Protein backbone atom coordinates (compact mmCIF):
# COMPACT_ATOMS: atom_id res chain seq x y z
CA UNK A 1 -13.19 -18.19 -56.00
CA UNK A 2 -16.89 -17.74 -55.28
CA UNK A 3 -16.54 -19.72 -52.08
CA UNK A 4 -13.64 -17.62 -50.73
CA UNK A 5 -15.43 -14.40 -51.69
CA UNK A 6 -18.47 -15.58 -49.75
CA UNK A 7 -16.30 -16.36 -46.70
CA UNK A 8 -14.88 -12.84 -46.75
CA UNK A 9 -18.10 -10.93 -47.38
CA UNK A 10 -20.45 -12.89 -45.11
CA UNK A 11 -19.05 -11.57 -41.80
CA UNK A 12 -18.88 -8.02 -43.15
CA UNK A 13 -22.46 -8.26 -44.36
CA UNK A 14 -23.63 -9.59 -40.99
CA UNK A 15 -21.92 -6.76 -39.12
CA UNK A 16 -23.34 -4.19 -41.52
CA UNK A 17 -26.87 -5.52 -41.06
CA UNK A 18 -26.53 -5.60 -37.30
CA UNK A 19 -25.32 -2.02 -37.13
CA UNK A 20 -27.87 -0.74 -39.60
CA UNK A 21 -30.69 -2.38 -37.65
CA UNK A 22 -29.72 -0.42 -34.53
CA UNK A 23 -29.44 2.80 -36.50
CA UNK A 24 -32.80 2.13 -38.10
CA UNK A 25 -34.41 1.59 -34.72
CA UNK A 26 -33.14 4.94 -33.46
CA UNK A 27 -34.12 6.67 -36.68
CA UNK A 28 -37.63 5.28 -36.44
CA UNK A 29 -38.16 7.02 -33.12
CA UNK A 30 -39.26 10.64 -33.47
CA UNK A 31 -37.10 11.69 -30.48
CA UNK A 32 -34.07 9.66 -31.54
CA UNK A 33 -31.65 12.55 -31.86
CA UNK A 34 -32.80 14.09 -28.56
CA UNK A 35 -32.40 10.74 -26.79
CA UNK A 36 -28.96 10.21 -28.28
CA UNK A 37 -27.82 13.68 -27.13
CA UNK A 38 -29.24 13.13 -23.63
CA UNK A 39 -27.49 9.77 -23.33
CA UNK A 40 -24.21 11.31 -24.47
CA UNK A 41 -24.50 14.17 -21.95
CA UNK A 42 -25.23 11.75 -19.09
CA UNK A 43 -22.18 9.68 -20.01
CA UNK A 44 -19.99 12.76 -20.25
CA UNK A 45 -21.21 14.21 -16.95
CA UNK A 46 -20.61 11.03 -14.93
CA UNK A 47 -17.42 9.86 -16.58
CA UNK A 48 -14.97 12.45 -15.17
CA UNK A 49 -16.24 11.96 -11.60
CA UNK A 50 -15.90 8.19 -11.89
CA UNK A 51 -12.45 8.49 -13.44
CA UNK A 52 -11.37 10.92 -10.71
CA UNK A 53 -12.57 8.56 -7.96
CA UNK A 54 -10.86 5.60 -9.60
CA UNK A 55 -7.59 7.52 -9.97
CA UNK A 56 -7.79 8.65 -6.35
CA UNK A 57 -8.27 5.07 -5.19
CA UNK A 58 -5.29 3.97 -7.28
CA UNK A 59 -3.13 6.74 -5.83
CA UNK A 60 -4.18 6.02 -2.24
CA UNK A 61 -3.75 2.23 -2.47
CA UNK A 62 0.05 2.27 -1.91
CA UNK A 63 -0.35 4.67 1.02
CA UNK A 64 -2.96 2.47 2.66
CA UNK A 65 -0.92 -0.66 2.00
CA UNK A 66 2.17 0.90 3.58
CA UNK A 67 0.23 2.09 6.64
CA UNK A 68 -1.26 -1.39 7.10
CA UNK A 69 2.19 -2.96 6.83
CA UNK A 70 3.64 -0.50 9.35
CA UNK A 71 0.81 -1.18 11.80
CA UNK A 72 1.34 -4.93 11.48
CA UNK A 73 5.09 -4.69 12.15
CA UNK A 74 4.55 -2.19 14.94
CA UNK A 75 2.15 -4.51 16.74
CA UNK A 76 4.75 -7.30 16.59
CA UNK A 77 7.42 -5.01 18.04
CA UNK A 78 5.09 -3.89 20.85
CA UNK A 79 4.23 -7.50 21.71
CA UNK A 80 7.94 -8.33 21.89
CA UNK A 81 8.67 -5.27 24.02
CA UNK A 82 5.88 -6.14 26.45
CA UNK A 83 7.53 -9.50 27.14
CA UNK A 84 10.95 -7.99 27.89
CA UNK A 85 11.97 -7.25 31.46
CA UNK A 86 15.24 -5.71 30.38
CA UNK A 87 17.18 -5.20 27.19
CA UNK A 88 20.80 -5.41 26.24
CA UNK A 89 22.31 -2.46 24.44
CA UNK A 90 22.20 -4.40 21.17
CA UNK A 91 18.52 -5.26 21.63
CA UNK A 92 17.69 -1.65 22.47
CA UNK A 93 19.48 -0.42 19.34
CA UNK A 94 17.73 -3.03 17.22
CA UNK A 95 14.28 -2.02 18.48
CA UNK A 96 15.18 1.66 18.09
CA UNK A 97 16.18 1.06 14.46
CA UNK A 98 12.92 -0.78 13.80
CA UNK A 99 10.86 2.08 15.24
CA UNK A 100 12.87 4.64 13.25
CA UNK A 101 12.33 2.64 10.08
CA UNK A 102 8.58 2.43 10.67
CA UNK A 103 8.45 6.17 11.32
CA UNK A 104 10.33 6.90 8.09
CA UNK A 105 7.94 4.71 6.13
CA UNK A 106 4.99 6.65 7.53
CA UNK A 107 6.70 9.93 6.67
CA UNK A 108 7.06 8.67 3.10
CA UNK A 109 3.33 7.92 3.10
CA UNK A 110 2.65 11.43 4.38
CA UNK A 111 4.68 12.91 1.52
CA UNK A 112 2.87 10.75 -1.01
CA UNK A 113 -0.47 11.75 0.49
CA UNK A 114 0.46 15.44 0.20
CA UNK A 115 1.09 14.96 -3.52
CA UNK A 116 -2.26 13.21 -3.94
CA UNK A 117 -3.97 15.97 -1.94
CA UNK A 118 -2.57 18.62 -4.27
CA UNK A 119 -3.99 16.83 -7.27
CA UNK A 120 -7.38 15.75 -5.91
CA UNK A 121 -8.00 18.21 -3.07
CA UNK A 122 -7.53 17.60 0.62
CA UNK A 123 -11.24 17.55 1.47
CA UNK A 124 -11.89 14.13 -0.04
CA UNK A 125 -13.14 11.67 2.61
CA UNK A 126 -10.62 9.05 1.47
CA UNK A 127 -7.73 11.49 1.87
CA UNK A 128 -8.95 12.63 5.29
CA UNK A 129 -9.25 8.99 6.36
CA UNK A 130 -5.70 8.27 5.19
CA UNK A 131 -4.36 11.31 7.07
CA UNK A 132 -6.14 10.14 10.22
CA UNK A 133 -4.77 6.63 9.83
CA UNK A 134 -1.21 7.92 9.40
CA UNK A 135 -1.57 10.20 12.44
CA UNK A 136 -2.85 7.31 14.55
CA UNK A 137 0.07 5.13 13.44
CA UNK A 138 2.59 7.87 14.26
CA UNK A 139 0.98 8.14 17.70
CA UNK A 140 1.30 4.38 18.16
CA UNK A 141 4.98 4.58 17.23
CA UNK A 142 5.45 7.33 19.82
CA UNK A 143 3.78 5.04 22.38
CA UNK A 144 6.08 2.18 21.41
CA UNK A 145 9.05 4.54 21.77
CA UNK A 146 7.89 5.43 25.28
CA UNK A 147 7.57 1.73 26.08
CA UNK A 148 11.06 1.06 24.72
CA UNK A 149 12.51 3.92 26.77
CA UNK A 150 10.86 2.58 29.93
CA UNK A 151 12.55 -0.82 29.71
CA UNK A 152 15.86 -0.92 31.59
CA UNK A 153 18.94 -1.42 29.48
CA UNK A 154 21.57 -3.62 31.03
CA UNK A 155 25.08 -3.93 29.73
CA UNK A 156 25.89 -7.19 28.12
CA UNK A 157 27.62 -9.57 30.49
CA UNK A 158 31.27 -9.71 29.57
CA UNK A 159 32.26 -12.98 28.12
CA UNK A 160 35.07 -14.45 30.13
CA UNK A 161 37.34 -16.75 28.36
CA UNK A 162 38.21 -19.95 30.10
CA UNK A 163 41.90 -20.59 30.00
CA UNK A 164 42.63 -23.47 27.75
CA UNK A 165 44.04 -26.46 29.50
CA UNK A 166 47.66 -26.71 28.84
CA UNK A 167 49.00 -30.15 28.48
CA UNK A 168 51.06 -31.06 31.44
CA UNK A 169 54.60 -31.67 30.65
CA UNK A 170 55.57 -35.15 31.52
CA UNK A 171 59.13 -35.85 32.35
CA UNK A 172 60.91 -37.09 29.37
CA UNK A 173 62.08 -40.61 29.65
CA UNK A 174 65.49 -41.25 28.21
């Protein structure tokens, strides 16, 4: 019984001594209460700003990720378009759908950025940078649209079916 009681009380005693030693050190200082209040005020003053910046970064991360993804896909589309001398109707429609999709994704980012701006203010450098990035990407999409429109669209060559060879009828032998 004594052994188990010692196992239970020893950690509690060690923690109590450790905490009381810190309290005793502060109490020994004549300016202990003033220092404690000053430290608490400094922590309180800096904490909301740091939390606000962290929350802003978390809110902007999906926007930035989406813009980066759109720019990556857009550059691939532009490279493909630069290699094309002409497009079929199907190819034109496919590229048009891709550009429309990229534009819609950027519009979603714009809407998300508006919501973040309402909460954190639109004058934040990170928000201004994101707006600029989205605007540049929308401009690049407009340039890709101009490039797509400048490529001639040719109708698909009609597929002609070759008549199947019909077996020649051989005279029946009686």
